[in-house]
Amino acid sequence: MRGEIRPVLFLVIGVTFLSGLACCEHESVDDSVRTEEVEGSRPPHLVFIMVDDQGYGDIGYHGSDIHTPVLDQLAAEGVKLENYYVQPICSPSRSQLMTGRHYLDSYQIHTGLQHSIIRSRQPLCLPSDIPTLPERLVEAGYATHMVGKWHLGFCRRSCLPTGRGFQSFLGTLTGSGDHFSYQSCDGAEACGFDLHDGDRPAWEMTGNYSTLLYIERVKQILSSHDPDKPLFLYLSLQAPHTPLQVPDHFLHHYDSQSNRLRRHYAAMLSCLDEGVGKVVQELKTSGLYQNSVLIYSSDNGGQPLSGGSNWPLRGGKGTYWEGGIRAVGFVHSPLLKRKGVVSRALIHVSDWYPTLLGLAGALSSHRGLDGHDVWGTISEGLRCPRTEILFNIDPVSRKPGEPYDKALVLNGFGIWDTAIRAAIRAGDWKLLTGNVGDGDWIPPQALPVGPERWQKLEKWRNKLGKSVWLFNVTSDPYERSDLAEARPEIVKHLLTRLAEYNQTAVMARNLPDDPMADPELHGGVWSPWLGLEGQEKDSGEENVRKEKIKKIKHCKVCKLKALFKKVGSRLQRNTLFS
């Protein structure tokens, strides 16, 4: 039996006024590349756990109503990262983890992924000329395994996890799907099966709940692994992303929760919490724990309309407010020199790439990377090498004819178009421009079932034409006091930094959907569809595929099915909130 509910949504940079760097905790340290081994003579086993859409307010040690005793204990015995940032949506965070490059070069603006996620039918994936973290670790002698959600493109076989450095893979390729049946839809008209073991569809595993299935595979990997060979394990859990589904017995932990969305979401996190405990126990049983480093991170902020909470932060998933990009994160390891502490160092998801390579003794240079090796900062409390984060510059977000603020003239750089969606942090200061997303503060349980569901929301109203915001997020982490008018010199400086970053940006790769990707053309499975032309021509299947595409494009029945699915989803949502 399953419980189910499906809502429909959706530097200090040479200037004295950028002072008080939040990342500086203790004495300074040389920012040269660290090549020495962390402890002993063997590189450590590396376990990275990424969870999907967990909000800042959705973990016990942040005062949540959700029970996460395992995560709380692991964080309490390790280092809690309380100034830790990711990207506001899924694919960008994952791409920066895998490449160490921001929106630009690792900042998405350098990979062409600055506009949005990679949709299932988009002919996009990680650039092949950028080495991934598992590829580099394989070169360093590591065994590499991935379990869970990929969401970095799969249009070609070379784009699959097993084509980008992972020696084994069990999981999903798309952005979301049913946690039991593994049916995934891109829009209402293109649906298919999405659970893969290596490069084949794992039909036989249908019916297993994703979190429990993935935890069991991880336990198998750990129990059979040779402790003398270094291991990189990437566990990318789909929970608590929608659809909100979980085995029924986890729901009973929250029988008193009247908000049905919150109840299912909380139960998903309780199941996840229990699963992480089993992973750590298996590390110990298998003799890997003492020489291991475990990192836990959410991929973006929570979605309040799907049960998540980022309270007391502002905004949520998909926005550049703190609630969209400030993440739950911690490091747990016997190798830490400091344990049981809170780090307020400025750390970004792109920093894990050089940090893990440094731990593996495989970081020869920082050249071309946006991330920094922050192990000394986390383990010893040394000065953080990072002073600035570019969250994004998204030129596609600008609407034609949208006004921009001509009053902000940049010395030597012309005028920055403040209608462009962009966000940057330097030291204590954070600047946002353009349409940066819904900026409401949503208290926990502010969306109960019934007409009063919108009560308790702290609504935010923009001044007409406003397109620039400035906050001191060290003293004002909840972004309640906009200082853009009071501190124009900082605004101008940070706009200059945006313009400088933009000089190196590559064109956003927002490609249209490819009809050849439709699962109906591939046995009902989401799978690679490009680079297969030679096989298809030899087997005479090319013409058959073309005919199927014509039928899909023009079939009135298909269009009616899509319409019924949309209407049904709306009715379901109305029933949910009635």
Protein backbone atom coordinates (compact mmCIF):
# COMPACT_ATOMS: atom_id res chain seq x y z
CA MET A 1 0.00 0.00 0.00
CA ARG A 2 1.12 3.54 -0.62
CA GLY A 3 0.13 6.95 0.69
CA GLU A 4 -0.13 9.36 -2.20
CA ILE A 5 -1.12 12.93 -2.85
CA ARG A 6 -0.31 14.81 -6.04
CA PRO A 7 -0.64 18.58 -6.04
CA VAL A 8 -0.21 20.43 -9.33
CA LEU A 9 2.30 23.35 -9.33
CA PHE A 10 4.00 24.47 -11.08
CA LEU A 11 35.15 40.02 -2.40
CA VAL A 12 36.11 42.01 -0.69
CA ILE A 13 37.27 42.79 -4.20
CA GLY A 14 39.75 45.53 -3.60
CA VAL A 15 37.17 47.79 -1.96
CA THR A 16 36.79 48.55 1.72
CA PHE A 17 32.99 48.75 1.82
CA LEU A 18 32.60 45.01 1.14
CA SER A 19 33.77 44.17 4.61
CA GLY A 20 33.11 41.54 7.20
CA LEU A 21 33.58 38.47 5.06
CA ALA A 22 31.29 35.81 6.47
CA CYS A 23 33.63 33.03 5.43
CA CYS A 24 36.61 34.05 7.56
CA GLU A 25 36.55 32.08 10.76
CA HIS A 26 40.12 31.74 12.03
CA GLU A 27 43.61 32.56 10.88
CA SER A 28 44.37 32.88 7.19
CA VAL A 29 45.74 29.99 5.20
CA ASP A 30 47.63 29.78 1.94
CA ASP A 31 45.09 29.20 -0.87
CA SER A 32 47.51 27.04 -2.82
CA VAL A 33 46.38 23.62 -3.92
CA ARG A 34 46.35 21.04 -1.14
CA THR A 35 47.96 17.83 -2.27
CA GLU A 36 48.80 16.08 0.97
CA GLU A 37 46.67 13.19 2.09
CA VAL A 38 44.13 13.92 4.80
CA GLU A 39 44.84 11.10 7.21
CA GLY A 40 46.98 8.02 7.00
CA SER A 41 48.25 6.58 3.75
CA ARG A 42 45.00 5.87 1.90
CA PRO A 43 42.68 8.31 0.13
CA PRO A 44 39.33 8.48 1.95
CA HIS A 45 36.08 6.94 0.81
CA LEU A 46 33.77 9.73 -0.37
CA VAL A 47 30.00 9.54 0.08
CA PHE A 48 27.91 12.44 -1.26
CA ILE A 49 24.18 12.42 -0.44
CA MET A 50 22.05 14.91 -2.36
CA VAL A 51 18.35 15.19 -1.56
CA ASP A 52 15.67 16.76 -3.71
CA ASP A 53 13.79 19.92 -2.62
CA GLN A 54 14.41 19.72 1.13
CA GLY A 55 13.74 23.17 2.57
CA TYR A 56 15.94 25.07 5.01
CA GLY A 57 13.23 24.65 7.67
CA ASP A 58 12.80 20.93 7.04
CA ILE A 59 15.43 19.45 9.34
CA GLY A 60 15.24 18.93 13.06
CA TYR A 61 18.25 21.05 14.04
CA HIS A 62 16.63 24.08 12.37
CA GLY A 63 13.63 23.71 14.67
CA SER A 64 11.46 21.77 12.23
CA ASP A 65 8.30 19.86 13.10
CA ILE A 66 9.71 17.05 10.92
CA HIS A 67 11.54 14.27 12.79
CA THR A 68 15.08 13.75 11.45
CA PRO A 69 16.98 12.19 14.40
CA VAL A 70 19.63 10.47 12.25
CA LEU A 71 20.47 13.57 10.24
CA ASP A 72 20.46 15.67 13.42
CA GLN A 73 22.96 13.35 15.10
CA LEU A 74 25.25 13.09 12.08
CA ALA A 75 25.31 16.89 11.75
CA ALA A 76 25.86 17.37 15.50
CA GLU A 77 28.86 15.02 15.41
CA GLY A 78 30.28 16.71 12.31
CA VAL A 79 30.27 20.24 10.90
CA LYS A 80 27.00 22.04 10.16
CA LEU A 81 27.29 24.38 7.17
CA GLU A 82 25.22 27.44 8.01
CA ASN A 83 26.34 29.73 5.19
CA TYR A 84 26.01 27.15 2.44
CA TYR A 85 24.51 27.88 -0.97
CA VAL A 86 23.26 25.91 -3.95
CA GLN A 87 21.31 26.92 -7.07
CA PRO A 88 17.53 27.55 -6.97
CA ILE A 89 16.63 24.59 -9.20
CA CYS A 90 17.80 21.06 -9.81
CA SER A 91 19.98 20.68 -12.93
CA PRO A 92 22.20 23.73 -12.24
CA SER A 93 23.08 22.54 -8.71
CA ARG A 94 23.87 19.06 -9.97
CA SER A 95 25.92 20.32 -12.91
CA GLN A 96 28.05 22.44 -10.60
CA LEU A 97 28.62 19.52 -8.24
CA MET A 98 29.72 17.37 -11.19
CA THR A 99 31.94 19.99 -12.90
CA GLY A 100 33.08 22.49 -10.24
CA ARG A 101 31.93 25.21 -12.60
CA HIS A 102 29.38 27.84 -11.85
CA TYR A 103 26.62 29.15 -13.91
CA LEU A 104 29.35 30.75 -15.93
CA ASP A 105 32.22 28.47 -16.36
CA SER A 106 30.98 26.43 -13.68
CA TYR A 107 28.67 29.17 -12.93
CA GLN A 108 25.98 28.07 -15.29
CA ILE A 109 26.80 30.92 -17.62
CA HIS A 110 29.92 28.97 -18.63
CA THR A 111 28.12 25.70 -19.31
CA GLY A 112 25.14 27.24 -21.13
CA LEU A 113 22.74 25.91 -18.46
CA GLN A 114 21.88 29.30 -16.97
CA HIS A 115 18.23 29.47 -17.99
CA SER A 116 16.50 26.44 -16.52
CA ILE A 117 16.56 22.72 -15.88
CA ILE A 118 17.26 20.18 -18.62
CA ARG A 119 13.84 18.97 -19.75
CA SER A 120 13.37 15.33 -20.69
CA ARG A 121 12.93 16.00 -24.42
CA GLN A 122 15.69 18.61 -24.71
CA PRO A 123 18.75 17.48 -26.70
CA LEU A 124 21.04 18.75 -23.94
CA CYS A 125 23.47 17.30 -21.42
CA LEU A 126 26.68 18.21 -19.61
CA PRO A 127 29.29 19.53 -22.07
CA SER A 128 31.50 16.62 -23.11
CA ASP A 129 34.70 18.70 -22.97
CA ILE A 130 34.34 19.38 -19.24
CA PRO A 131 35.64 16.49 -17.09
CA THR A 132 33.24 15.37 -14.39
CA LEU A 133 34.04 14.59 -10.78
CA PRO A 134 33.68 10.79 -11.20
CA GLU A 135 35.83 10.87 -14.36
CA ARG A 136 38.61 12.58 -12.44
CA LEU A 137 38.24 10.21 -9.49
CA VAL A 138 38.43 7.13 -11.73
CA GLU A 139 41.76 8.49 -13.00
CA ALA A 140 42.84 8.71 -9.35
CA GLY A 141 42.07 5.03 -8.78
CA TYR A 142 38.58 5.32 -7.26
CA ALA A 143 35.64 3.01 -7.76
CA THR A 144 32.67 5.21 -8.67
CA HIS A 145 28.98 4.38 -8.21
CA MET A 146 25.81 6.43 -8.59
CA VAL A 147 22.39 5.63 -7.17
CA GLY A 148 19.36 7.87 -7.71
CA LYS A 149 18.37 10.88 -9.78
CA TRP A 150 20.65 12.12 -12.60
CA HIS A 151 18.78 15.02 -14.30
CA LEU A 152 21.79 16.17 -16.32
CA GLY A 153 20.61 15.09 -19.75
CA PHE A 154 20.51 11.77 -21.55
CA CYS A 155 20.00 12.57 -25.25
CA ARG A 156 23.10 10.51 -26.17
CA ARG A 157 24.53 7.38 -24.59
CA SER A 158 27.67 9.34 -23.78
CA CYS A 159 25.52 11.63 -21.60
CA LEU A 160 24.42 8.84 -19.26
CA PRO A 161 25.99 8.52 -15.79
CA THR A 162 27.92 5.46 -17.06
CA GLY A 163 29.19 7.63 -19.93
CA ARG A 164 30.37 10.38 -17.56
CA GLY A 165 32.54 8.42 -15.15
CA PHE A 166 30.28 6.26 -13.01
CA GLN A 167 31.10 2.56 -13.18
CA SER A 168 27.59 1.59 -12.07
CA PHE A 169 24.24 3.35 -12.00
CA LEU A 170 20.77 2.60 -10.68
CA GLY A 171 18.28 5.42 -10.88
CA THR A 172 16.27 7.86 -12.95
CA LEU A 173 17.38 10.10 -15.80
CA THR A 174 14.58 12.70 -15.78
CA GLY A 175 13.68 15.38 -13.25
CA SER A 176 10.78 13.70 -11.49
CA GLY A 177 8.45 10.74 -11.62
CA ASP A 178 6.27 8.35 -9.68
CA HIS A 179 8.18 6.91 -6.71
CA PHE A 180 6.62 3.46 -7.18
CA SER A 181 5.85 3.00 -10.89
CA TYR A 182 8.71 5.20 -12.21
CA GLN A 183 6.44 6.72 -14.83
CA SER A 184 7.70 10.19 -15.71
CA CYS A 185 5.96 12.82 -17.86
CA ASP A 186 7.37 15.81 -19.71
CA GLY A 187 4.23 17.87 -20.02
CA ALA A 188 1.02 15.90 -20.30
CA GLU A 189 1.65 14.36 -23.69
CA ALA A 190 5.03 12.61 -23.33
CA CYS A 191 5.22 9.94 -20.62
CA GLY A 192 7.43 6.92 -20.17
CA PHE A 193 9.20 4.54 -17.81
CA ASP A 194 12.29 5.92 -16.07
CA LEU A 195 14.25 3.52 -13.92
CA HIS A 196 17.56 2.28 -15.26
CA ASP A 197 20.10 -0.24 -14.06
CA GLY A 198 23.20 0.69 -16.02
CA ASP A 199 21.97 1.46 -19.53
CA ARG A 200 18.93 -0.83 -19.48
CA PRO A 201 15.38 -0.21 -18.20
CA ALA A 202 14.83 -1.93 -14.85
CA TRP A 203 11.22 -3.03 -15.37
CA GLU A 204 11.55 -5.77 -12.77
CA MET A 205 12.05 -3.22 -9.99
CA THR A 206 8.70 -1.49 -10.57
CA GLY A 207 6.65 -1.23 -7.37
CA ASN A 208 9.61 -0.63 -5.07
CA TYR A 209 9.55 2.77 -3.35
CA SER A 210 12.44 4.85 -4.69
CA THR A 211 14.10 5.78 -1.39
CA LEU A 212 14.01 2.22 -0.06
CA LEU A 213 15.17 0.78 -3.39
CA TYR A 214 18.11 3.15 -3.58
CA ILE A 215 19.16 2.54 0.02
CA GLU A 216 19.21 -1.22 -0.59
CA ARG A 217 21.41 -0.79 -3.66
CA VAL A 218 23.80 1.42 -1.67
CA LYS A 219 24.03 -1.23 1.05
CA GLN A 220 24.90 -3.83 -1.62
CA ILE A 221 27.64 -1.60 -3.03
CA LEU A 222 29.15 -0.94 0.40
CA SER A 223 28.99 -4.54 1.60
CA SER A 224 30.79 -5.84 -1.49
CA HIS A 225 33.40 -3.09 -1.73
CA ASP A 226 37.09 -3.74 -1.05
CA PRO A 227 38.10 -1.36 1.79
CA ASP A 228 41.58 -1.06 0.29
CA LYS A 229 40.22 0.60 -2.87
CA PRO A 230 38.97 4.19 -2.49
CA LEU A 231 35.26 4.62 -3.17
CA PHE A 232 33.16 7.50 -4.48
CA LEU A 233 29.46 6.93 -3.91
CA TYR A 234 26.93 9.50 -5.12
CA LEU A 235 23.50 8.88 -3.58
CA SER A 236 21.01 11.25 -5.21
CA LEU A 237 17.65 10.66 -3.58
CA GLN A 238 14.48 11.80 -5.34
CA ALA A 239 12.67 12.46 -2.04
CA PRO A 240 11.05 14.66 -0.94
CA HIS A 241 10.33 15.92 -4.50
CA THR A 242 6.76 15.57 -5.78
CA PRO A 243 4.71 13.48 -6.29
CA LEU A 244 4.28 13.28 -2.53
CA GLN A 245 4.29 9.50 -2.03
CA VAL A 246 5.54 7.31 0.78
CA PRO A 247 4.81 3.86 2.26
CA ASP A 248 1.83 4.16 4.60
CA HIS A 249 3.60 3.27 7.84
CA PHE A 250 5.74 6.42 7.66
CA LEU A 251 2.57 8.54 7.55
CA HIS A 252 1.59 7.38 11.03
CA HIS A 253 4.44 9.42 12.50
CA TYR A 254 2.43 12.50 11.54
CA ASP A 255 -1.19 11.52 12.28
CA SER A 256 -1.67 14.81 14.13
CA GLN A 257 -0.58 16.91 11.13
CA SER A 258 -3.72 18.45 9.60
CA ASN A 259 -1.97 19.81 6.52
CA ARG A 260 -2.07 16.83 4.16
CA LEU A 261 0.72 18.14 1.93
CA ARG A 262 2.98 18.72 4.92
CA ARG A 263 2.10 15.31 6.36
CA HIS A 264 3.16 13.41 3.23
CA TYR A 265 6.23 15.58 2.73
CA ALA A 266 7.30 15.04 6.36
CA ALA A 267 6.79 11.28 6.08
CA MET A 268 9.01 11.21 2.98
CA LEU A 269 11.79 12.91 4.94
CA SER A 270 11.38 10.52 7.87
CA CYS A 271 11.81 7.61 5.46
CA LEU A 272 14.87 9.33 3.99
CA ASP A 273 16.30 9.96 7.47
CA GLU A 274 15.95 6.29 8.38
CA GLY A 275 17.60 5.31 5.09
CA VAL A 276 20.63 7.52 5.69
CA GLY A 277 21.03 5.81 9.05
CA LYS A 278 21.18 2.44 7.29
CA VAL A 279 23.87 3.78 4.92
CA VAL A 280 26.05 4.92 7.83
CA GLN A 281 25.56 1.62 9.64
CA GLU A 282 26.62 -0.27 6.50
CA LEU A 283 29.73 1.93 6.21
CA LYS A 284 30.65 0.81 9.73
CA THR A 285 29.78 -2.85 9.19
CA SER A 286 31.82 -2.96 5.98
CA GLY A 287 34.90 -1.42 7.58
CA LEU A 288 34.74 1.77 5.49
CA TYR A 289 33.54 4.29 8.05
CA GLN A 290 36.79 5.27 9.78
CA ASN A 291 38.32 6.40 6.50
CA SER A 292 35.21 8.05 5.05
CA VAL A 293 33.86 11.54 4.42
CA LEU A 294 30.08 11.92 4.16
CA ILE A 295 28.56 15.11 2.76
CA TYR A 296 24.84 15.86 2.92
CA SER A 297 23.20 18.56 0.79
CA SER A 298 19.86 19.63 -0.58
CA ASP A 299 19.84 20.61 -4.27
CA ASN A 300 17.72 23.76 -3.78
CA GLY A 301 15.20 25.28 -1.41
CA GLY A 302 11.87 23.72 -0.53
CA GLN A 303 8.61 24.29 -2.41
CA PRO A 304 6.04 25.59 0.13
CA LEU A 305 3.09 24.67 -2.11
CA SER A 306 4.32 21.06 -2.04
CA GLY A 307 4.75 20.75 1.71
CA GLY A 308 8.23 22.23 2.08
CA SER A 309 9.28 25.04 4.40
CA ASN A 310 12.17 27.48 4.24
CA TRP A 311 11.00 29.51 7.25
CA PRO A 312 12.27 31.95 8.44
CA LEU A 313 14.03 32.56 5.12
CA ARG A 314 12.37 34.44 2.29
CA GLY A 315 11.13 32.76 -0.89
CA GLY A 316 11.57 29.17 -2.02
CA LYS A 317 12.57 26.84 -4.81
CA GLY A 318 13.05 28.57 -8.14
CA THR A 319 13.87 31.96 -6.60
CA TYR A 320 17.11 33.76 -5.76
CA TRP A 321 15.87 34.77 -2.32
CA GLU A 322 17.64 32.99 0.53
CA GLY A 323 14.87 30.41 0.79
CA GLY A 324 15.62 29.24 -2.74
CA ILE A 325 19.40 28.98 -2.55
CA ARG A 326 20.50 28.64 1.07
CA ALA A 327 20.58 24.92 1.69
CA VAL A 328 20.67 22.32 4.41
CA GLY A 329 24.20 20.93 4.43
CA PHE A 330 26.69 19.23 6.74
CA VAL A 331 29.85 17.12 6.71
CA HIS A 332 30.26 14.02 8.88
CA SER A 333 33.61 12.24 9.07
CA PRO A 334 36.01 10.67 11.56
CA LEU A 335 38.72 12.52 9.61
CA LEU A 336 37.48 15.98 10.63
CA LYS A 337 39.90 17.80 12.94
CA ARG A 338 36.99 19.79 14.40
CA LYS A 339 33.74 18.04 15.24
CA GLY A 340 30.49 19.20 16.74
CA VAL A 341 30.84 22.73 15.40
CA VAL A 342 28.92 25.14 13.19
CA SER A 343 30.73 26.64 10.20
CA ARG A 344 29.60 30.01 8.87
CA ALA A 345 32.12 29.95 6.05
CA LEU A 346 30.77 31.00 2.67
CA ILE A 347 30.55 27.72 0.73
CA HIS A 348 28.89 26.93 -2.59
CA VAL A 349 27.91 23.64 -4.21
CA SER A 350 30.61 24.15 -6.86
CA ASP A 351 33.23 23.91 -4.09
CA TRP A 352 32.69 20.17 -3.63
CA TYR A 353 34.40 19.32 -6.93
CA PRO A 354 37.87 20.67 -5.98
CA THR A 355 37.38 19.75 -2.33
CA LEU A 356 36.73 16.08 -3.07
CA LEU A 357 39.50 15.96 -5.65
CA GLY A 358 41.80 17.48 -3.04
CA LEU A 359 40.86 14.79 -0.55
CA ALA A 360 41.57 12.19 -3.21
CA GLY A 361 44.99 13.72 -3.93
CA ALA A 362 43.85 14.42 -7.49
CA LEU A 363 43.62 18.22 -7.57
CA SER A 364 46.61 19.42 -9.57
CA SER A 365 45.25 22.90 -10.31
CA HIS A 366 42.27 25.20 -9.75
CA ARG A 367 42.55 26.46 -13.31
CA GLY A 368 39.18 26.73 -15.04
CA LEU A 369 37.23 26.03 -11.86
CA ASP A 370 34.80 28.32 -10.07
CA GLY A 371 34.85 26.18 -6.96
CA HIS A 372 37.42 26.28 -4.15
CA ASP A 373 38.97 23.55 -2.03
CA VAL A 374 37.30 24.24 1.33
CA TRP A 375 38.37 21.16 3.32
CA GLY A 376 40.75 23.17 5.51
CA THR A 377 37.94 25.62 6.21
CA ILE A 378 35.50 22.86 7.17
CA SER A 379 37.88 20.54 9.02
CA GLU A 380 40.16 23.02 10.76
CA GLY A 381 38.29 26.33 10.68
CA LEU A 382 40.89 27.96 8.46
CA ARG A 383 40.13 31.06 6.45
CA CYS A 384 37.77 30.38 3.58
CA PRO A 385 39.18 31.02 0.10
CA ARG A 386 35.73 31.99 -1.20
CA THR A 387 34.56 35.60 -0.87
CA GLU A 388 32.00 35.81 -3.67
CA ILE A 389 29.27 33.74 -5.33
CA LEU A 390 27.68 34.47 -8.67
CA PHE A 391 24.31 32.75 -8.47
CA ASN A 392 23.33 33.40 -12.06
CA ILE A 393 22.94 35.75 -15.01
CA ASP A 394 19.96 34.67 -17.12
CA PRO A 395 19.50 36.85 -20.23
CA VAL A 396 16.64 34.63 -21.44
CA SER A 397 14.58 35.81 -18.46
CA ARG A 398 14.31 39.37 -19.78
CA LYS A 399 10.92 40.04 -21.33
CA PRO A 400 10.87 42.09 -24.57
CA GLY A 401 9.93 45.68 -23.89
CA GLU A 402 10.55 45.37 -20.16
CA PRO A 403 11.95 48.63 -18.72
CA TYR A 404 15.32 48.91 -17.05
CA ASP A 405 16.75 51.37 -14.58
CA LYS A 406 18.85 53.86 -16.56
CA ALA A 407 19.92 55.66 -13.39
CA LEU A 408 22.51 53.00 -12.59
CA VAL A 409 25.42 53.92 -14.84
CA LEU A 410 28.45 51.69 -14.55
CA ASN A 411 31.85 53.32 -14.84
CA GLY A 412 33.51 51.94 -17.95
CA PHE A 413 30.94 49.17 -18.44
CA GLY A 414 27.95 50.97 -19.94
CA ILE A 415 24.52 50.28 -18.41
CA TRP A 416 23.58 46.99 -16.82
CA ASP A 417 20.10 45.93 -17.89
CA THR A 418 18.47 45.40 -14.52
CA ALA A 419 15.52 43.62 -16.13
CA ILE A 420 17.87 40.64 -16.55
CA ARG A 421 17.46 38.07 -13.80
CA ALA A 422 20.74 37.95 -11.88
CA ALA A 423 22.02 37.49 -8.34
CA ILE A 424 25.45 37.82 -6.72
CA ARG A 425 26.85 37.72 -3.22
CA ALA A 426 30.12 39.35 -2.14
CA GLY A 427 31.10 39.30 1.51
CA ASP A 428 28.09 40.34 3.56
CA TRP A 429 26.25 41.80 0.58
CA LYS A 430 23.78 40.26 -1.82
CA LEU A 431 22.41 41.96 -4.93
CA LEU A 432 19.45 40.80 -7.04
CA THR A 433 18.14 42.20 -10.32
CA GLY A 434 15.18 41.44 -12.58
CA ASN A 435 12.40 38.98 -11.83
CA VAL A 436 14.01 36.94 -9.08
CA GLY A 437 10.88 35.06 -8.05
CA ASP A 438 8.20 35.09 -5.39
CA GLY A 439 9.57 36.83 -2.30
CA ASP A 440 6.99 35.86 0.31
CA TRP A 441 7.84 34.63 3.78
CA ILE A 442 5.72 31.53 4.42
CA PRO A 443 5.51 30.33 8.03
CA PRO A 444 5.27 26.59 8.67
CA GLN A 445 1.81 25.04 8.28
CA ALA A 446 0.48 28.22 6.68
CA LEU A 447 -1.32 26.20 4.00
CA PRO A 448 -3.91 24.03 5.76
CA VAL A 449 -6.70 22.39 3.80
CA GLY A 450 -9.63 24.75 3.36
CA PRO A 451 -10.36 28.34 2.32
CA GLU A 452 -8.12 29.76 5.05
CA ARG A 453 -5.07 28.22 3.37
CA TRP A 454 -3.69 31.60 2.31
CA GLN A 455 -3.87 33.08 5.79
CA LYS A 456 -0.65 33.77 7.72
CA LEU A 457 1.30 34.42 4.51
CA GLU A 458 3.52 37.46 4.81
CA LYS A 459 2.83 38.90 1.38
CA TRP A 460 5.47 40.94 -0.36
CA ARG A 461 4.59 43.69 -2.80
CA ASN A 462 7.10 45.21 -5.19
CA LYS A 463 7.24 48.90 -5.84
CA LEU A 464 6.18 49.39 -9.46
CA GLY A 465 9.19 49.24 -11.80
CA LYS A 466 11.60 48.08 -9.09
CA SER A 467 14.32 45.79 -10.44
CA VAL A 468 17.26 46.06 -8.00
CA TRP A 469 17.53 44.84 -4.39
CA LEU A 470 20.46 44.92 -1.96
CA PHE A 471 20.70 43.15 1.40
CA ASN A 472 23.30 42.67 4.09
CA VAL A 473 22.53 38.98 4.53
CA THR A 474 24.90 38.60 7.47
CA SER A 475 22.97 41.03 9.64
CA ASP A 476 19.67 40.54 7.79
CA PRO A 477 19.51 36.86 6.71
CA TYR A 478 15.74 37.06 6.23
CA GLU A 479 16.05 39.84 3.60
CA ARG A 480 13.59 42.22 5.22
CA SER A 481 15.55 45.45 4.82
CA ASP A 482 16.33 46.49 1.22
CA LEU A 483 19.35 48.83 1.20
CA ALA A 484 19.58 49.48 -2.56
CA GLU A 485 18.71 53.18 -2.21
CA ALA A 486 20.72 53.68 0.97
CA ARG A 487 23.96 52.14 -0.36
CA PRO A 488 24.25 53.08 -4.07
CA GLU A 489 28.04 52.64 -4.06
CA ILE A 490 27.69 48.95 -3.22
CA VAL A 491 24.94 48.53 -5.79
CA LYS A 492 27.16 50.04 -8.48
CA HIS A 493 30.10 47.88 -7.50
CA LEU A 494 28.10 44.66 -7.60
CA LEU A 495 26.47 45.61 -10.90
CA THR A 496 29.99 46.11 -12.22
CA ARG A 497 30.88 42.62 -11.05
CA LEU A 498 27.83 41.26 -12.90
CA ALA A 499 28.96 43.04 -16.05
CA GLU A 500 32.47 41.60 -15.68
CA TYR A 501 31.13 38.08 -15.24
CA ASN A 502 28.85 38.56 -18.21
CA GLN A 503 31.85 39.20 -20.45
CA THR A 504 32.73 35.51 -20.17
CA ALA A 505 29.23 34.06 -20.46
CA VAL A 506 28.34 31.65 -23.23
CA MET A 507 24.96 31.66 -24.96
CA ALA A 508 22.19 29.97 -23.00
CA ARG A 509 21.43 26.57 -24.49
CA ASN A 510 17.66 26.70 -24.21
CA LEU A 511 16.98 24.27 -27.05
CA PRO A 512 13.44 23.30 -28.10
CA ASP A 513 12.08 19.86 -27.36
CA ASP A 514 12.96 17.13 -29.84
CA PRO A 515 9.99 14.93 -30.91
CA MET A 516 12.43 12.03 -31.41
CA ALA A 517 12.77 11.85 -27.61
CA ASP A 518 9.18 10.70 -27.08
CA PRO A 519 9.18 7.39 -25.14
CA GLU A 520 6.57 6.02 -27.54
CA LEU A 521 9.41 5.75 -30.05
CA HIS A 522 11.62 3.82 -27.62
CA GLY A 523 9.51 1.03 -26.20
CA GLY A 524 7.81 3.30 -23.66
CA VAL A 525 11.12 4.17 -21.95
CA TRP A 526 12.93 7.47 -21.49
CA SER A 527 16.30 6.72 -23.08
CA PRO A 528 18.96 8.24 -25.40
CA TRP A 529 17.70 9.06 -28.87
CA LEU A 530 20.57 10.86 -30.64
CA GLY A 531 23.61 9.24 -32.20
CA LEU A 532 21.66 6.09 -33.10
CA GLU A 533 21.17 6.92 -36.78
CA GLY A 534 23.62 4.33 -38.09
CA GLN A 535 21.94 1.50 -36.22
CA GLU A 536 18.50 2.63 -37.30
CA LYS A 537 19.39 2.91 -40.98
CA ASP A 538 20.98 -0.54 -40.97
CA SER A 539 17.91 -2.08 -39.35
CA GLY A 540 15.40 -0.16 -41.47
CA GLU A 541 13.82 1.46 -38.41
CA GLU A 542 14.42 5.10 -39.38
CA ASN A 543 11.33 5.36 -41.59
CA VAL A 544 9.20 3.67 -38.96
CA ARG A 545 10.28 6.23 -36.39
CA LYS A 546 9.52 9.11 -38.72
CA GLU A 547 6.04 7.76 -39.35
CA LYS A 548 5.44 7.42 -35.61
CA ILE A 549 6.54 11.03 -35.10
CA LYS A 550 4.00 12.22 -37.68
CA LYS A 551 1.26 10.29 -35.90
CA ILE A 552 2.28 11.70 -32.51
CA LYS A 553 2.29 15.25 -33.86
CA HIS A 554 -1.07 15.07 -35.59
CA CYS A 555 -3.01 12.50 -33.59
CA LYS A 556 -6.17 14.16 -32.27
CA VAL A 557 -6.64 11.37 -29.78
CA CYS A 558 -3.22 12.14 -28.27
CA LYS A 559 -4.14 15.79 -27.92
CA LEU A 560 -7.44 14.87 -26.27
CA LYS A 561 -5.62 12.57 -23.86
CA ALA A 562 -3.28 15.43 -22.95
CA LEU A 563 -6.26 17.72 -22.36
CA PHE A 564 -8.00 15.17 -20.14
CA LYS A 565 -4.81 14.72 -18.10
CA LYS A 566 -4.56 18.47 -17.51
CA VAL A 567 -8.24 18.77 -16.57
CA GLY A 568 -7.93 15.77 -14.28
CA SER A 569 -4.89 17.28 -12.55
CA ARG A 570 -6.77 20.53 -11.95
CA LEU A 571 -9.76 18.68 -10.55
CA GLN A 572 -7.44 16.74 -8.25
CA ARG A 573 -5.90 19.97 -6.99
CA ASN A 574 -9.32 21.54 -6.40
CA THR A 575 -10.41 18.45 -4.49
CA LEU A 576 -7.23 18.59 -2.44
CA PHE A 577 -7.83 22.15 -1.25
CA SER A 578 -11.64 21.94 -0.89
